């Protein structure tokens, strides 16, 4: 369960990092075609990616159990 949560949060965190990097070039993943069809889903998805980043940081600094 923990490894699945880690993989999902790392994937969403990678999407957030990619979006942040592309934003420097004037592109934004959240305003591309799939999200423009459903504009009401942009803000919740951004919040979901942000929470995934927080979980990812927590899991990174969590001490490993042997």
C-alpha atoms as a PDB file:
ATOM      1  CA  UNK A   1       0.000   0.000   0.000  1.00  0.00           C
ATOM      2  CA  UNK A   2       2.758   2.411   0.957  1.00  0.00           C
ATOM      3  CA  UNK A   3       4.715   1.768  -2.243  1.00  0.00           C
ATOM      4  CA  UNK A   4       1.597   2.339  -4.359  1.00  0.00           C
ATOM      5  CA  UNK A   5       0.905   5.609  -2.542  1.00  0.00           C
ATOM      6  CA  UNK A   6       4.530   6.595  -3.089  1.00  0.00           C
ATOM      7  CA  UNK A   7       4.375   5.862  -6.813  1.00  0.00           C
ATOM      8  CA  UNK A   8       1.148   7.821  -7.290  1.00  0.00           C
ATOM      9  CA  UNK A   9       2.402  10.815  -5.326  1.00  0.00           C
ATOM     10  CA  UNK A  10       5.735  10.811  -7.154  1.00  0.00           C
ATOM     11  CA  UNK A  11       3.939  10.688 -10.514  1.00  0.00           C
ATOM     12  CA  UNK A  12       1.727  13.629  -9.571  1.00  0.00           C
ATOM     13  CA  UNK A  13       4.715  15.496  -8.170  1.00  0.00           C
ATOM     14  CA  UNK A  14       6.561  14.920 -11.450  1.00  0.00           C
ATOM     15  CA  UNK A  15       3.566  16.350 -13.322  1.00  0.00           C
ATOM     16  CA  UNK A  16       3.677  19.399 -11.062  1.00  0.00           C
ATOM     17  CA  UNK A  17       7.418  19.846 -11.596  1.00  0.00           C
ATOM     18  CA  UNK A  18       6.990  19.468 -15.347  1.00  0.00           C
ATOM     19  CA  UNK A  19       4.246  22.076 -15.307  1.00  0.00           C
ATOM     20  CA  UNK A  20       6.420  24.436 -13.299  1.00  0.00           C
ATOM     21  CA  UNK A  21       9.302  24.025 -15.733  1.00  0.00           C
ATOM     22  CA  UNK A  22       7.110  24.488 -18.805  1.00  0.00           C
ATOM     23  CA  UNK A  23       5.540  27.554 -17.232  1.00  0.00           C
ATOM     24  CA  UNK A  24       8.919  29.282 -17.591  1.00  0.00           C
ATOM     25  CA  UNK A  25       8.523  28.758 -21.353  1.00  0.00           C
ATOM     26  CA  UNK A  26       5.003  30.174 -21.348  1.00  0.00           C
ATOM     27  CA  UNK A  27       3.238  26.793 -21.442  1.00  0.00           C
ATOM     28  CA  UNK A  28       0.909  25.424 -18.790  1.00  0.00           C
ATOM     29  CA  UNK A  29      -0.181  21.787 -18.718  1.00  0.00           C
ATOM     30  CA  UNK A  30      -3.411  22.645 -16.933  1.00  0.00           C
ATOM     31  CA  UNK A  31      -4.569  24.955 -19.715  1.00  0.00           C
ATOM     32  CA  UNK A  32      -4.003  22.507 -22.581  1.00  0.00           C
ATOM     33  CA  UNK A  33      -6.736  20.705 -24.523  1.00  0.00           C
ATOM     34  CA  UNK A  34      -7.953  18.000 -22.063  1.00  0.00           C
ATOM     35  CA  UNK A  35      -8.464  20.533 -19.284  1.00  0.00           C
ATOM     36  CA  UNK A  36     -10.030  23.227 -21.484  1.00  0.00           C
ATOM     37  CA  UNK A  37     -12.936  20.870 -22.132  1.00  0.00           C
ATOM     38  CA  UNK A  38     -13.635  20.809 -18.382  1.00  0.00           C
ATOM     39  CA  UNK A  39     -12.423  24.125 -16.896  1.00  0.00           C
ATOM     40  CA  UNK A  40     -13.985  23.389 -13.502  1.00  0.00           C
ATOM     41  CA  UNK A  41     -11.545  20.544 -12.923  1.00  0.00           C
ATOM     42  CA  UNK A  42      -8.373  22.654 -13.222  1.00  0.00           C
ATOM     43  CA  UNK A  43      -8.274  24.069  -9.672  1.00  0.00           C
ATOM     44  CA  UNK A  44      -9.125  20.762  -7.905  1.00  0.00           C
ATOM     45  CA  UNK A  45      -6.480  18.941  -9.963  1.00  0.00           C
ATOM     46  CA  UNK A  46      -3.887  21.591  -9.094  1.00  0.00           C
ATOM     47  CA  UNK A  47      -4.737  21.190  -5.407  1.00  0.00           C
ATOM     48  CA  UNK A  48      -4.530  17.394  -5.778  1.00  0.00           C
ATOM     49  CA  UNK A  49      -1.039  17.707  -7.279  1.00  0.00           C
ATOM     50  CA  UNK A  50      -0.021  20.055  -4.440  1.00  0.00           C
ATOM     51  CA  UNK A  51      -1.230  17.634  -1.766  1.00  0.00           C
ATOM     52  CA  UNK A  52       0.629  14.833  -3.561  1.00  0.00           C
ATOM     53  CA  UNK A  53       3.768  16.951  -3.330  1.00  0.00           C
ATOM     54  CA  UNK A  54       3.312  17.353   0.416  1.00  0.00           C
ATOM     55  CA  UNK A  55       2.770  13.603   0.859  1.00  0.00           C
ATOM     56  CA  UNK A  56       5.841  12.939  -1.264  1.00  0.00           C
ATOM     57  CA  UNK A  57       7.966  15.219   0.924  1.00  0.00           C
ATOM     58  CA  UNK A  58       6.601  13.566   4.058  1.00  0.00           C
ATOM     59  CA  UNK A  59       7.425  10.109   2.701  1.00  0.00           C
ATOM     60  CA  UNK A  60      10.903  11.272   1.688  1.00  0.00           C
ATOM     61  CA  UNK A  61      11.797  12.462   5.185  1.00  0.00           C
ATOM     62  CA  UNK A  62       9.973   9.632   6.973  1.00  0.00           C
ATOM     63  CA  UNK A  63      12.526   7.351   8.637  1.00  0.00           C
ATOM     64  CA  UNK A  64      12.859   3.956   6.975  1.00  0.00           C
ATOM     65  CA  UNK A  65      11.761   1.013   9.106  1.00  0.00           C
ATOM     66  CA  UNK A  66      13.859  -2.147   9.009  1.00  0.00           C
END
